[in-house]
Amino acid sequence: MSGEAWVRPQGVLDPERHAALIANRESIARDAGIPVHLLWQKLPALVAGE
């Protein structure tokens, strides 16, 4: 991949890179030796000032 940032200024992952990660999540999890469900976790809501 290029040296471009993964996160846009608004804090959202580049949609194309996100799609690639989602499409390859089983392979990524297998390579990492972890269950697929551990690749994603709901983040807590931001509080004012964050």
N, C-alpha and C. Protein backbone atom coordinates (compact mmCIF):
# COMPACT_ATOMS: atom_id res chain seq x y z
N MET A 1 0.84 -1.19 0.00
CA MET A 1 0.00 0.00 0.00
C MET A 1 0.87 1.24 0.00
N SER A 2 0.26 2.32 -0.40
CA SER A 2 0.99 3.58 -0.46
C SER A 2 1.20 4.15 0.93
N GLY A 3 1.89 5.26 1.01
CA GLY A 3 2.15 5.90 2.29
C GLY A 3 1.02 6.80 2.75
N GLU A 4 -0.15 6.69 2.12
CA GLU A 4 -1.28 7.52 2.50
C GLU A 4 -1.82 7.13 3.87
N ALA A 5 -2.41 8.10 4.53
CA ALA A 5 -3.00 7.85 5.85
C ALA A 5 -4.19 6.91 5.73
N TRP A 6 -4.36 6.06 6.72
CA TRP A 6 -5.51 5.15 6.75
C TRP A 6 -6.76 5.86 7.22
N VAL A 7 -6.58 6.91 7.97
CA VAL A 7 -7.73 7.60 8.57
C VAL A 7 -7.85 8.99 7.96
N ARG A 8 -9.03 9.30 7.52
CA ARG A 8 -9.29 10.63 6.98
C ARG A 8 -9.40 11.62 8.13
N PRO A 9 -9.31 12.92 7.84
CA PRO A 9 -9.38 13.91 8.92
C PRO A 9 -10.64 13.80 9.79
N GLN A 10 -11.72 13.29 9.23
CA GLN A 10 -12.96 13.14 10.01
C GLN A 10 -12.91 11.91 10.91
N GLY A 11 -11.83 11.13 10.84
CA GLY A 11 -11.69 9.96 11.68
C GLY A 11 -12.28 8.69 11.09
N VAL A 12 -12.66 8.72 9.81
CA VAL A 12 -13.27 7.56 9.17
C VAL A 12 -12.22 6.86 8.32
N LEU A 13 -12.12 5.55 8.45
CA LEU A 13 -11.20 4.77 7.64
C LEU A 13 -11.56 4.95 6.17
N ASP A 14 -10.57 5.04 5.32
CA ASP A 14 -10.80 5.15 3.88
C ASP A 14 -11.74 4.02 3.47
N PRO A 15 -12.87 4.33 2.84
CA PRO A 15 -13.86 3.29 2.49
C PRO A 15 -13.28 2.15 1.64
N GLU A 16 -12.37 2.44 0.73
CA GLU A 16 -11.79 1.39 -0.09
C GLU A 16 -10.92 0.45 0.74
N ARG A 17 -10.14 1.01 1.63
CA ARG A 17 -9.29 0.18 2.49
C ARG A 17 -10.14 -0.60 3.49
N HIS A 18 -11.19 0.02 3.98
CA HIS A 18 -12.10 -0.68 4.89
C HIS A 18 -12.72 -1.87 4.19
N ALA A 19 -13.18 -1.67 2.95
CA ALA A 19 -13.77 -2.77 2.19
C ALA A 19 -12.77 -3.90 1.99
N ALA A 20 -11.51 -3.55 1.74
CA ALA A 20 -10.48 -4.59 1.56
C ALA A 20 -10.26 -5.36 2.85
N LEU A 21 -10.25 -4.66 3.98
CA LEU A 21 -10.08 -5.34 5.27
C LEU A 21 -11.24 -6.28 5.55
N ILE A 22 -12.46 -5.80 5.30
CA ILE A 22 -13.65 -6.62 5.54
C ILE A 22 -13.63 -7.85 4.64
N ALA A 23 -13.28 -7.65 3.38
CA ALA A 23 -13.26 -8.76 2.43
C ALA A 23 -12.22 -9.82 2.81
N ASN A 24 -11.16 -9.41 3.48
CA ASN A 24 -10.07 -10.33 3.83
C ASN A 24 -10.01 -10.67 5.31
N ARG A 25 -11.06 -10.39 6.05
CA ARG A 25 -10.98 -10.56 7.50
C ARG A 25 -10.72 -12.00 7.93
N GLU A 26 -11.25 -12.97 7.21
CA GLU A 26 -11.00 -14.36 7.59
C GLU A 26 -9.53 -14.72 7.41
N SER A 27 -8.95 -14.26 6.32
CA SER A 27 -7.54 -14.51 6.06
C SER A 27 -6.66 -13.77 7.07
N ILE A 28 -7.02 -12.53 7.38
CA ILE A 28 -6.27 -11.74 8.35
C ILE A 28 -6.31 -12.42 9.72
N ALA A 29 -7.48 -12.87 10.13
CA ALA A 29 -7.62 -13.54 11.42
C ALA A 29 -6.81 -14.84 11.45
N ARG A 30 -6.89 -15.59 10.37
CA ARG A 30 -6.14 -16.86 10.31
C ARG A 30 -4.64 -16.59 10.40
N ASP A 31 -4.16 -15.59 9.65
CA ASP A 31 -2.73 -15.25 9.70
C ASP A 31 -2.30 -14.80 11.09
N ALA A 32 -3.21 -14.10 11.78
CA ALA A 32 -2.90 -13.60 13.13
C ALA A 32 -3.11 -14.68 14.20
N GLY A 33 -3.78 -15.77 13.82
CA GLY A 33 -4.04 -16.84 14.78
C GLY A 33 -5.11 -16.49 15.80
N ILE A 34 -6.09 -15.67 15.38
CA ILE A 34 -7.17 -15.26 16.28
C ILE A 34 -8.52 -15.53 15.64
N PRO A 35 -9.58 -15.65 16.45
CA PRO A 35 -10.92 -15.82 15.90
C PRO A 35 -11.34 -14.55 15.15
N VAL A 36 -12.10 -14.73 14.08
CA VAL A 36 -12.56 -13.60 13.26
C VAL A 36 -13.30 -12.56 14.09
N HIS A 37 -14.10 -12.99 15.06
CA HIS A 37 -14.90 -12.02 15.81
C HIS A 37 -14.05 -11.06 16.64
N LEU A 38 -12.77 -11.37 16.82
CA LEU A 38 -11.90 -10.47 17.58
C LEU A 38 -11.33 -9.33 16.73
N LEU A 39 -11.59 -9.34 15.43
CA LEU A 39 -11.10 -8.27 14.57
C LEU A 39 -11.92 -7.00 14.69
N TRP A 40 -13.10 -7.09 15.20
CA TRP A 40 -13.97 -5.92 15.31
C TRP A 40 -14.56 -5.85 16.70
N GLN A 41 -14.62 -4.65 17.22
CA GLN A 41 -15.22 -4.43 18.53
C GLN A 41 -15.87 -3.06 18.52
N LYS A 42 -17.08 -2.98 19.01
CA LYS A 42 -17.78 -1.71 19.08
C LYS A 42 -17.03 -0.78 20.04
N LEU A 43 -16.77 0.42 19.56
CA LEU A 43 -16.07 1.40 20.40
C LEU A 43 -17.06 2.19 21.24
N PRO A 44 -16.65 2.62 22.41
CA PRO A 44 -17.55 3.43 23.23
C PRO A 44 -17.79 4.78 22.55
N ALA A 45 -18.91 5.38 22.86
CA ALA A 45 -19.24 6.69 22.31
C ALA A 45 -18.24 7.72 22.82
N LEU A 46 -17.93 8.67 21.97
CA LEU A 46 -17.04 9.75 22.38
C LEU A 46 -17.77 10.69 23.34
N VAL A 47 -17.02 11.27 24.23
CA VAL A 47 -17.59 12.26 25.13
C VAL A 47 -17.12 13.64 24.68
N ALA A 48 -17.80 14.67 25.10
CA ALA A 48 -17.45 16.02 24.69
C ALA A 48 -15.98 16.30 24.95
N GLY A 49 -15.33 16.91 24.00
CA GLY A 49 -13.94 17.26 24.15
C GLY A 49 -12.96 16.24 23.58
N GLU A 50 -13.44 15.10 23.13
CA GLU A 50 -12.54 14.09 22.56
C GLU A 50 -12.44 14.27 21.07
